[in-house]
């Protein structure tokens, strides 16, 4: 039986690739945009804060849901 939560979360599955794609572009944007390295700094800071928030959120969800690791992997790859 599927949890209704799964019906809402799969579109977020591919979001982790957006960070990599953005960081690839940061080097070029730093050369051509007037913000220069300030843009890279802002994006890097946002990515670090976002990545740091993932671990405690995963821990909280795992304590509540008690899903096996395979389900988390499926959820991460869906979408």
C-alpha atoms as a PDB file:
ATOM      1  CA  UNK A   1       0.000   0.000   0.000  1.00  0.00           C
ATOM      2  CA  UNK A   2       1.402   3.362  -0.996  1.00  0.00           C
ATOM      3  CA  UNK A   3       1.508   6.318   1.301  1.00  0.00           C
ATOM      4  CA  UNK A   4      -0.273   9.437   0.021  1.00  0.00           C
ATOM      5  CA  UNK A   5       2.972  11.299   0.728  1.00  0.00           C
ATOM      6  CA  UNK A   6       4.629   9.494  -2.202  1.00  0.00           C
ATOM      7  CA  UNK A   7       2.165  11.041  -4.610  1.00  0.00           C
ATOM      8  CA  UNK A   8       3.366  14.527  -3.704  1.00  0.00           C
ATOM      9  CA  UNK A   9       7.143  14.047  -3.477  1.00  0.00           C
ATOM     10  CA  UNK A  10       8.354  12.375  -6.733  1.00  0.00           C
ATOM     11  CA  UNK A  11       8.621  15.653  -8.700  1.00  0.00           C
ATOM     12  CA  UNK A  12      11.327  16.687  -6.211  1.00  0.00           C
ATOM     13  CA  UNK A  13      13.395  13.613  -7.090  1.00  0.00           C
ATOM     14  CA  UNK A  14      15.520  15.193  -9.797  1.00  0.00           C
ATOM     15  CA  UNK A  15      16.137  18.415  -7.875  1.00  0.00           C
ATOM     16  CA  UNK A  16      19.585  17.287  -6.754  1.00  0.00           C
ATOM     17  CA  UNK A  17      20.818  17.562 -10.356  1.00  0.00           C
ATOM     18  CA  UNK A  18      19.915  21.247 -10.481  1.00  0.00           C
ATOM     19  CA  UNK A  19      22.652  22.098  -7.976  1.00  0.00           C
ATOM     20  CA  UNK A  20      25.287  20.479 -10.176  1.00  0.00           C
ATOM     21  CA  UNK A  21      23.953  22.186 -13.290  1.00  0.00           C
ATOM     22  CA  UNK A  22      23.952  25.574 -11.567  1.00  0.00           C
ATOM     23  CA  UNK A  23      27.507  25.183 -10.280  1.00  0.00           C
ATOM     24  CA  UNK A  24      28.738  24.310 -13.780  1.00  0.00           C
ATOM     25  CA  UNK A  25      27.294  27.589 -15.018  1.00  0.00           C
ATOM     26  CA  UNK A  26      28.629  29.659 -12.103  1.00  0.00           C
ATOM     27  CA  UNK A  27      32.165  29.739 -13.504  1.00  0.00           C
ATOM     28  CA  UNK A  28      30.937  31.260 -16.745  1.00  0.00           C
ATOM     29  CA  UNK A  29      28.482  33.611 -15.035  1.00  0.00           C
ATOM     30  CA  UNK A  30      31.285  34.841 -12.771  1.00  0.00           C
ATOM     31  CA  UNK A  31      33.208  35.954 -15.858  1.00  0.00           C
ATOM     32  CA  UNK A  32      30.411  37.654 -17.771  1.00  0.00           C
ATOM     33  CA  UNK A  33      27.944  38.948 -15.162  1.00  0.00           C
ATOM     34  CA  UNK A  34      28.516  42.255 -13.370  1.00  0.00           C
ATOM     35  CA  UNK A  35      28.193  40.522  -9.977  1.00  0.00           C
ATOM     36  CA  UNK A  36      31.350  38.522 -10.694  1.00  0.00           C
ATOM     37  CA  UNK A  37      32.441  36.338  -7.793  1.00  0.00           C
ATOM     38  CA  UNK A  38      29.638  37.660  -5.572  1.00  0.00           C
ATOM     39  CA  UNK A  39      27.234  35.574  -7.653  1.00  0.00           C
ATOM     40  CA  UNK A  40      29.326  32.440  -7.130  1.00  0.00           C
ATOM     41  CA  UNK A  41      29.541  33.166  -3.419  1.00  0.00           C
ATOM     42  CA  UNK A  42      25.785  33.616  -3.071  1.00  0.00           C
ATOM     43  CA  UNK A  43      24.994  30.441  -5.002  1.00  0.00           C
ATOM     44  CA  UNK A  44      27.613  28.448  -3.116  1.00  0.00           C
ATOM     45  CA  UNK A  45      26.267  29.646   0.224  1.00  0.00           C
ATOM     46  CA  UNK A  46      22.698  28.761  -0.731  1.00  0.00           C
ATOM     47  CA  UNK A  47      23.815  25.312  -1.882  1.00  0.00           C
ATOM     48  CA  UNK A  48      25.729  24.701   1.339  1.00  0.00           C
ATOM     49  CA  UNK A  49      22.793  25.710   3.520  1.00  0.00           C
ATOM     50  CA  UNK A  50      20.438  23.557   1.455  1.00  0.00           C
ATOM     51  CA  UNK A  51      22.741  20.549   1.604  1.00  0.00           C
ATOM     52  CA  UNK A  52      23.206  20.959   5.340  1.00  0.00           C
ATOM     53  CA  UNK A  53      19.433  20.966   5.855  1.00  0.00           C
ATOM     54  CA  UNK A  54      18.960  17.668   3.997  1.00  0.00           C
ATOM     55  CA  UNK A  55      20.564  15.424   6.618  1.00  0.00           C
ATOM     56  CA  UNK A  56      18.450  16.544   9.608  1.00  0.00           C
ATOM     57  CA  UNK A  57      15.309  16.457   7.450  1.00  0.00           C
ATOM     58  CA  UNK A  58      16.104  12.939   6.268  1.00  0.00           C
ATOM     59  CA  UNK A  59      16.713  11.869   9.866  1.00  0.00           C
ATOM     60  CA  UNK A  60      13.383  13.360  11.006  1.00  0.00           C
ATOM     61  CA  UNK A  61      11.470  11.747   8.137  1.00  0.00           C
ATOM     62  CA  UNK A  62      13.150   8.388   8.743  1.00  0.00           C
ATOM     63  CA  UNK A  63      12.222   8.461  12.444  1.00  0.00           C
ATOM     64  CA  UNK A  64       8.585   9.163  11.582  1.00  0.00           C
ATOM     65  CA  UNK A  65       8.169   6.904   8.534  1.00  0.00           C
ATOM     66  CA  UNK A  66      10.654   4.087   9.269  1.00  0.00           C
ATOM     67  CA  UNK A  67      10.993   3.237   5.583  1.00  0.00           C
ATOM     68  CA  UNK A  68      13.595   0.769   4.335  1.00  0.00           C
ATOM     69  CA  UNK A  69      16.557   2.279   2.478  1.00  0.00           C
ATOM     70  CA  UNK A  70      15.306   0.895  -0.852  1.00  0.00           C
ATOM     71  CA  UNK A  71      12.197   3.041  -0.674  1.00  0.00           C
ATOM     72  CA  UNK A  72      14.271   6.189  -0.046  1.00  0.00           C
ATOM     73  CA  UNK A  73      16.445   5.358  -3.048  1.00  0.00           C
ATOM     74  CA  UNK A  74      13.348   4.815  -5.194  1.00  0.00           C
ATOM     75  CA  UNK A  75      11.946   8.137  -4.032  1.00  0.00           C
ATOM     76  CA  UNK A  76      15.218   9.950  -4.800  1.00  0.00           C
ATOM     77  CA  UNK A  77      15.358   8.511  -8.311  1.00  0.00           C
ATOM     78  CA  UNK A  78      11.690   9.046  -9.131  1.00  0.00           C
ATOM     79  CA  UNK A  79      10.763  12.105 -11.105  1.00  0.00           C
END
